[in-house]
N, C-alpha and C. Protein backbone atom coordinates (compact mmCIF):
# COMPACT_ATOMS: atom_id res chain seq x y z
N MET A 1 0.85 -1.17 0.00
CA MET A 1 0.00 0.00 0.00
C MET A 1 0.90 1.24 0.00
N THR A 2 0.60 2.15 -0.90
CA THR A 2 1.42 3.34 -1.00
C THR A 2 1.04 4.34 0.09
N ARG A 3 1.88 5.33 0.25
CA ARG A 3 1.63 6.36 1.26
C ARG A 3 0.34 7.12 0.96
N ARG A 4 0.08 7.35 -0.32
CA ARG A 4 -1.15 8.05 -0.70
C ARG A 4 -2.39 7.22 -0.36
N ASP A 5 -2.34 5.92 -0.64
CA ASP A 5 -3.46 5.04 -0.28
C ASP A 5 -3.68 5.02 1.22
N TYR A 6 -2.60 4.96 1.96
CA TYR A 6 -2.68 4.95 3.42
C TYR A 6 -3.32 6.24 3.94
N THR A 7 -2.92 7.36 3.38
CA THR A 7 -3.47 8.66 3.78
C THR A 7 -4.96 8.75 3.41
N LEU A 8 -5.32 8.31 2.23
CA LEU A 8 -6.72 8.34 1.81
C LEU A 8 -7.59 7.42 2.67
N LYS A 9 -7.03 6.28 3.05
CA LYS A 9 -7.79 5.35 3.89
C LYS A 9 -8.10 5.98 5.24
N TRP A 10 -7.11 6.60 5.88
CA TRP A 10 -7.35 7.22 7.18
C TRP A 10 -8.16 8.50 7.07
N LEU A 11 -8.09 9.18 5.94
CA LEU A 11 -8.97 10.33 5.71
C LEU A 11 -10.42 9.86 5.61
N PHE A 12 -10.65 8.75 4.90
CA PHE A 12 -11.99 8.17 4.82
C PHE A 12 -12.49 7.76 6.19
N TYR A 13 -11.65 7.10 6.98
CA TYR A 13 -12.03 6.71 8.34
C TYR A 13 -12.40 7.94 9.17
N SER A 14 -11.63 9.01 9.02
CA SER A 14 -11.91 10.23 9.78
C SER A 14 -13.24 10.86 9.36
N LEU A 15 -13.50 10.92 8.08
CA LEU A 15 -14.75 11.49 7.60
C LEU A 15 -15.95 10.63 7.99
N ALA A 16 -15.80 9.31 7.92
CA ALA A 16 -16.89 8.43 8.34
C ALA A 16 -17.14 8.57 9.84
N THR A 17 -16.09 8.70 10.63
CA THR A 17 -16.24 8.90 12.06
C THR A 17 -16.95 10.21 12.36
N LEU A 18 -16.55 11.27 11.67
CA LEU A 18 -17.20 12.57 11.85
C LEU A 18 -18.67 12.50 11.48
N LEU A 19 -18.99 11.83 10.39
CA LEU A 19 -20.39 11.68 9.97
C LEU A 19 -21.20 10.92 11.02
N LEU A 20 -20.67 9.84 11.56
CA LEU A 20 -21.40 9.07 12.57
C LEU A 20 -21.54 9.84 13.88
N VAL A 21 -20.55 10.63 14.23
CA VAL A 21 -20.66 11.45 15.44
C VAL A 21 -21.74 12.51 15.25
N VAL A 22 -21.83 13.10 14.07
CA VAL A 22 -22.87 14.08 13.79
C VAL A 22 -24.25 13.42 13.81
N VAL A 23 -24.37 12.22 13.22
CA VAL A 23 -25.64 11.49 13.25
C VAL A 23 -26.04 11.19 14.69
N GLN A 24 -25.07 10.79 15.51
CA GLN A 24 -25.35 10.51 16.91
C GLN A 24 -25.87 11.76 17.61
N ASP A 25 -25.21 12.88 17.37
CA ASP A 25 -25.57 14.11 18.07
C ASP A 25 -26.87 14.72 17.58
N ILE A 26 -27.10 14.71 16.28
CA ILE A 26 -28.26 15.39 15.73
C ILE A 26 -29.51 14.50 15.75
N ILE A 27 -29.38 13.25 15.39
CA ILE A 27 -30.55 12.40 15.22
C ILE A 27 -30.78 11.45 16.39
N LEU A 28 -29.79 10.67 16.73
CA LEU A 28 -30.00 9.58 17.68
C LEU A 28 -30.21 10.05 19.12
N ASN A 29 -29.73 11.21 19.47
CA ASN A 29 -29.96 11.71 20.83
C ASN A 29 -31.41 12.11 21.05
N HIS A 30 -32.16 12.30 19.96
CA HIS A 30 -33.55 12.71 20.07
C HIS A 30 -34.53 11.54 19.92
N ILE A 31 -34.02 10.35 19.64
CA ILE A 31 -34.84 9.16 19.52
C ILE A 31 -34.79 8.41 20.84
N SER A 32 -35.94 7.97 21.28
CA SER A 32 -35.99 7.22 22.54
C SER A 32 -36.85 5.97 22.35
N LEU A 33 -36.26 4.82 22.58
CA LEU A 33 -36.98 3.55 22.50
C LEU A 33 -37.08 2.99 23.91
N TRP A 34 -38.27 3.01 24.48
CA TRP A 34 -38.53 2.56 25.85
C TRP A 34 -37.61 3.27 26.85
N GLY A 35 -37.38 4.56 26.61
CA GLY A 35 -36.58 5.36 27.53
C GLY A 35 -35.08 5.24 27.33
N VAL A 36 -34.66 4.57 26.26
CA VAL A 36 -33.23 4.36 26.00
C VAL A 36 -32.87 5.04 24.68
N HIS A 37 -31.78 5.80 24.69
CA HIS A 37 -31.29 6.45 23.48
C HIS A 37 -30.22 5.57 22.83
N PRO A 38 -30.27 5.37 21.51
CA PRO A 38 -29.23 4.61 20.84
C PRO A 38 -27.88 5.32 20.95
N PHE A 39 -26.82 4.56 21.14
CA PHE A 39 -25.48 5.12 21.30
C PHE A 39 -24.53 4.31 20.43
N ILE A 40 -24.14 4.87 19.26
CA ILE A 40 -23.37 4.11 18.29
C ILE A 40 -21.86 4.40 18.34
N LEU A 41 -21.42 5.28 19.19
CA LEU A 41 -20.01 5.65 19.19
C LEU A 41 -19.07 4.49 19.53
N PRO A 42 -19.42 3.58 20.44
CA PRO A 42 -18.51 2.42 20.64
C PRO A 42 -18.39 1.54 19.40
N LEU A 43 -19.41 1.56 18.55
CA LEU A 43 -19.36 0.78 17.32
C LEU A 43 -18.25 1.30 16.40
N ILE A 44 -18.03 2.59 16.38
CA ILE A 44 -16.98 3.18 15.55
C ILE A 44 -15.61 2.64 15.96
N ALA A 45 -15.35 2.63 17.25
CA ALA A 45 -14.07 2.12 17.73
C ALA A 45 -13.92 0.62 17.46
N ALA A 46 -15.00 -0.12 17.60
CA ALA A 46 -14.94 -1.56 17.36
C ALA A 46 -14.68 -1.87 15.89
N LEU A 47 -15.30 -1.13 15.00
CA LEU A 47 -15.08 -1.36 13.57
C LEU A 47 -13.66 -1.03 13.14
N ALA A 48 -13.12 0.06 13.64
CA ALA A 48 -11.74 0.41 13.30
C ALA A 48 -10.77 -0.64 13.82
N THR A 49 -11.02 -1.17 14.99
CA THR A 49 -10.15 -2.20 15.55
C THR A 49 -10.28 -3.50 14.78
N MET A 50 -11.47 -3.80 14.30
CA MET A 50 -11.69 -5.03 13.56
C MET A 50 -11.02 -4.97 12.19
N TRP A 51 -11.07 -3.83 11.51
CA TRP A 51 -10.54 -3.73 10.16
C TRP A 51 -9.04 -3.50 10.12
N GLU A 52 -8.50 -2.87 11.11
CA GLU A 52 -7.06 -2.57 11.14
C GLU A 52 -6.42 -3.30 12.32
N SER A 53 -5.14 -3.53 12.23
CA SER A 53 -4.48 -4.26 13.33
C SER A 53 -3.99 -3.28 14.39
N ASN A 54 -2.79 -2.82 14.31
CA ASN A 54 -2.21 -1.96 15.34
C ASN A 54 -2.78 -0.54 15.30
N GLU A 55 -2.94 0.00 14.11
CA GLU A 55 -3.46 1.36 13.99
C GLU A 55 -4.90 1.45 14.48
N GLY A 56 -5.68 0.41 14.26
CA GLY A 56 -7.07 0.40 14.71
C GLY A 56 -7.19 0.43 16.22
N VAL A 57 -6.27 -0.26 16.89
CA VAL A 57 -6.29 -0.25 18.36
C VAL A 57 -5.95 1.13 18.89
N ILE A 58 -4.97 1.77 18.29
CA ILE A 58 -4.59 3.13 18.71
C ILE A 58 -5.74 4.10 18.43
N PHE A 59 -6.36 3.98 17.26
CA PHE A 59 -7.51 4.82 16.92
C PHE A 59 -8.63 4.61 17.93
N ALA A 60 -8.92 3.35 18.26
CA ALA A 60 -10.01 3.06 19.20
C ALA A 60 -9.72 3.62 20.59
N LEU A 61 -8.48 3.52 21.04
CA LEU A 61 -8.12 4.06 22.35
C LEU A 61 -8.28 5.58 22.39
N VAL A 62 -7.77 6.25 21.36
CA VAL A 62 -7.87 7.71 21.32
C VAL A 62 -9.32 8.15 21.16
N PHE A 63 -10.06 7.48 20.28
CA PHE A 63 -11.46 7.83 20.07
C PHE A 63 -12.28 7.57 21.33
N GLY A 64 -12.02 6.47 22.00
CA GLY A 64 -12.73 6.18 23.25
C GLY A 64 -12.45 7.20 24.33
N LEU A 65 -11.19 7.61 24.43
CA LEU A 65 -10.83 8.64 25.42
C LEU A 65 -11.51 9.97 25.10
N LEU A 66 -11.48 10.37 23.83
CA LEU A 66 -12.13 11.62 23.44
C LEU A 66 -13.64 11.55 23.61
N THR A 67 -14.23 10.40 23.32
CA THR A 67 -15.67 10.24 23.51
C THR A 67 -16.03 10.34 24.99
N ASP A 68 -15.23 9.71 25.82
CA ASP A 68 -15.49 9.75 27.26
C ASP A 68 -15.35 11.16 27.82
N LEU A 69 -14.40 11.91 27.31
CA LEU A 69 -14.18 13.26 27.82
C LEU A 69 -15.21 14.26 27.31
N THR A 70 -15.82 13.99 26.15
CA THR A 70 -16.69 15.00 25.55
C THR A 70 -18.18 14.71 25.65
N THR A 71 -18.57 13.50 26.01
CA THR A 71 -20.01 13.21 26.11
C THR A 71 -20.48 13.44 27.53
N LYS A 72 -21.79 13.62 27.65
CA LYS A 72 -22.39 13.94 28.94
C LYS A 72 -22.39 12.75 29.86
């Protein structure tokens, strides 16, 4: 994999993560099923870890830390 492919792959991961965070904040926080709000942010970390080996684990750790620090 070339450096350009590697950069594009992580750019795609970043944009997909941003899109899912926006969906979580705008849409899913306002939906309530039996008093429970859907929370998809751990899914983002799990998918990155599943698809990537070492980089996915680092991404999941950083994303989990940032999610924990920024959510209510």
